[in-house]
């Protein structure tokens, strides 16, 4: 590989474009990152030039190896890694130049890092994902692509706010509650708390960045983004403005998933279902006749019997009748507005026209008929159905506290509202009776007015209220003086309950004013569905969301999932999509850019407002919406004309426009206190990181002058690698937003998907299949592994474990020396690195003794058998590796490297060339080329050690081998910038491979006999062969002699104390093994060998006797099996003859 000659130093530009240096991690003195602290100085940026790499430098190049200190005997990652990082830093190796893409000079390859939350340090799952991304980026960089790996972090709203609140309290400082009190007192508590969170974010952002560098991640760190930095914040404001203007964002009062601990709404995806031990409480509601307010007419069992109510005659006819509801949450009965029964229930006709009365509360509620209610088994419900077996046939309807009840209530809204009007003389505003405060305590301040005698429950937590409701129902009867309790019974019941993914508290369905993004609109959901490759979509999806026509003009069908099965997860999510609640009742996050207020007063004051609003509306600096009815206690926004005096106006401001904001403040408008869901800004990641919507301003904000070229060059990106649990939370929404905002200005035509491929990687579990977590104490810190094994060892192990199955198990154990968690799995990577280091040292030492001789390019046909075989193995491995990387088969990549390095290069090639390297004029050139190619192929997964070794290799002279070239790249200053092996297919020499495979088979057979007979390693033996084998072996003589310890190959008859050797179905003899052969030991060896061969024969015969194999397998495979069987039978016969000869 040619290396560019030294270039004169040039002055650094105004802003240095290079990876930031490693920084020591606070609070971890002496840890793995500490060794990088000395590299804090940025050096001048070298000029980047395009190099079309010659396969070899000119013969005039001389070795500079003597100027470097010798390599250490053992590989020391702690010494090598910081030195290599400094080399990459000085070479500005990871900087992406979008102008090369835009100009057509290089193809693009872009990966956006899934931004880790700033809540904590990176874990082993991050290490796995980042290793995968770095393999892809490094390989494509070496293949001549202009690569951009964009790093960044996520502000993680609710998670970070919760973590900081806990940390402040643990440190004895004021927490969120105290800051909220400060805010209420006008002491700017919000800004002060956000400052605390910002400081925490800065600490962990630095820590995360240092971890990425310690792992060897080749990101373009100059471009690092944070989801709340000004570049990203501008994108968030613009996206909200456009969606608001286009009618895709609205505000309304709906039932949401409410976290009563953090007191914020949660999206459906942020709710984790957990199995809990609860109970079914069966509560009795007395039946009454409709009557005037204040009048009370109980329904008796006798009346029900006369109406034909089943089993009514089992009760005293003069006692008040009741119905029984079953619930797991008796405290919510306070908000019941109806009871429903299935119309197919035989009891339904006899209950028509009657009402229920809620005990203690006294509210009269109607009886509804709805198919949603589960029929009990005794009344026609399906046998074996757990719900039917538990059902009483009566369902309490609580629209404000259950989403299913809400839908049922809406279907019967007129009946419910009419019943309330009849019972109270007042028409209610809605079907909702919210009986809880935001902290989930029982409250009469949030929509519950008819408290009646139920004041005893107010102020209780939902758990305490549940106990009190049960206690009161148990103590009371249906009617005064009547026997029996209002509590009919309690049955233990294990069921699934939604919990907050952050506070882990049970979520509360809660009626709340929130902002929603209408993701169910075809402009979002439809285009996200159409983005998937058609072959990965179901017929139903293709029918519902057909591709646009003509397809060439749209971004449809360009996104592919790997593995393909995850496309179904993505598709099913869109099939069942609901509008996305995007507001959160938090302080840490992107504040919603909407100001709300009304305009009143004298005509001039109103006209001034209308005039300014119209002016700024024409300039597209704001957009506004009005409420349909300002007096509506639950207003929803809609598009209206010019605002009228007294109208409630919502104004969305496009940017941080101080003139507009000050004007709105002058008129008493206030900004919405809520922030956006974290996933809103995350969904814009492929856009915001590229400077959208204003690359010019992004350049001013960052000092990076090429933002204008980023979007054209790198969006859509090449691949997203992520975990399966955020396919819906993140992947879907990025597809929606990228296609929507990159579409035509009028949004009539969608833009491209944000990435071409989506690779879903495996999840790492411990040896028992459990998720790694702090609570279980089974987590492994990547930095601990880097410190004990090295970054490359960790990376290779993770790569080798990554299959396209769902999960990877990694046994976890305590390191006896450090007491930290580790895994014996990482020894695989460490052993490979040690093998590579030792092989590199050995090869370099041989090349120093026998340097490459200058000369014309070498014709491969003039090479020795072993050299042609080794080159052929490199060509085959390169093809396997290229296919593995392209198909995201990372285990195949690691396995191919292992076989090439350990088995082919170390076990066979290096041993084979020891006796001939000094005499064969071409062999040093092949050795140097092969070592160079192996280092390049290994570099993406083991970058540090390969860079260190390649520095020595690249300093040695080289000579060309015809047909073996490397990809052209823009620089050859470091290995990570140098070209990928691109050998010509003609170098794949199947003849040489077949011949050398015979040599290996012969050597292996001889070694097995030597081992069985315990022949000393230095003892030279004699092979007695047939003339045919002797003729072949004569050409292999140096190899066989070197590898098998054979001093001679002869056709002479073997002496009596020789040992039998079976090779290719023929018996040969080995002599001079020892002074006297042990016939008994030889017979035992042959008997074991025969048993193994006969076992293989049985397996092959079984395969061929199976019609499922012979009829369905490809014909060439069946014939191959037959040939293998015949060879094994011949081998068995040879061994039997040898055993017979010993008798």
Foldseek 3Di string as FASTA:
>chain_A
DAADDDDDDDAAPPDAQAAAFFDDAPPDPPFLSVLRHVQHDQDGADDFFFFFDDFFDAQVFFFPLVVDDADDLFDDQSVQQNVVLSLRRNHSPLGFDLVCQVVVVAAEFEEEALAAELLAADFLVSLLLLLLVLLLQLFVLQQFHRYAYEYEHFPQFPQLLVSLQVVCVVVVHDGPVVLVVCVVVVNPSLVVSLVSSVVSSVSSVSNRSSVCVQLVRSHSNLLYYYCPDPLLLLVLLQLLFVLVVVVQKWKFWDWFWADLVSLKGDWPLQWDKDKDKFKKWKFKWWKFAQDAAPDTGFQFLLLLVVLVAPPSVVDPRVDGDTAIFIDRQVLLLLQFLEKEAAPLQPRVRSCPRMWTADPQLRDTHYYYHDNVFADAVVRPGDPPDVNNPPGSRMHGQALFWDVVSVVVCVVCVVVSQVSNCRHPVDRDLGSHAFQADSSQAGACPPRHDSRHRVPVRHPHHSVVSRVVSLVVQQVDDNDPPDDDGSTPDMGIDIDMFIARNNPRHGITRHTDIFMWRACLDCLFLLLLLQLAAVVLDDPVNCVVRPADPPNVVAQGRQEAEVVSVLNVVLVVCSVPDDITGWWILGSPANFQQKWKDFAADDPVRLVVVQVVVVVVVVVVQKDKWWWPDQVNPTTMTDHDPRDDGPIIMIMGGSGVDVVVVVVCVVRVIDGDNIHTRSLSSLLCSLPSSLSPPHQVVVCVVSVPPCSVSSCVNAFLHAEYEEASSCCPSHQSSNQRVQQQVQADPVSPGTHHGSYRYYYHWAAEDEQVRHHDDVVVLQTARLSVCCRVQNSLLSLLLSLLQIASDHHGYFHWDADPVPRGIDGCSSVVSSVVLRLLVNLLSVLLVLCVVQPQRRDAAAELVPDALLLLQLLLLLVVLLVQLVVCSVSVGRSSLSVSLCCSRPPSVPVANVLLCVVPSNPDNCVNQSSLSSSLQSLLSSCSSRVSSSQVSVVSSNSGRHHHHPQWRFNTFSRPSTSSSHGHIDGHPVSNDVVSNVLVVLVVQQLVQLVLVLVLQVQDPQFAKEKADAPVVLVSVVSVVSRSCRRRRHPYYHNDDDDPQWAWTQGQLAIITMDPRDPGHDLVSRLVSLVVVLVVLVVVLVVLVVQLVDCVRCVPPDPVVNVVSVVVNVSSVSSNVNSVVRNVVSD
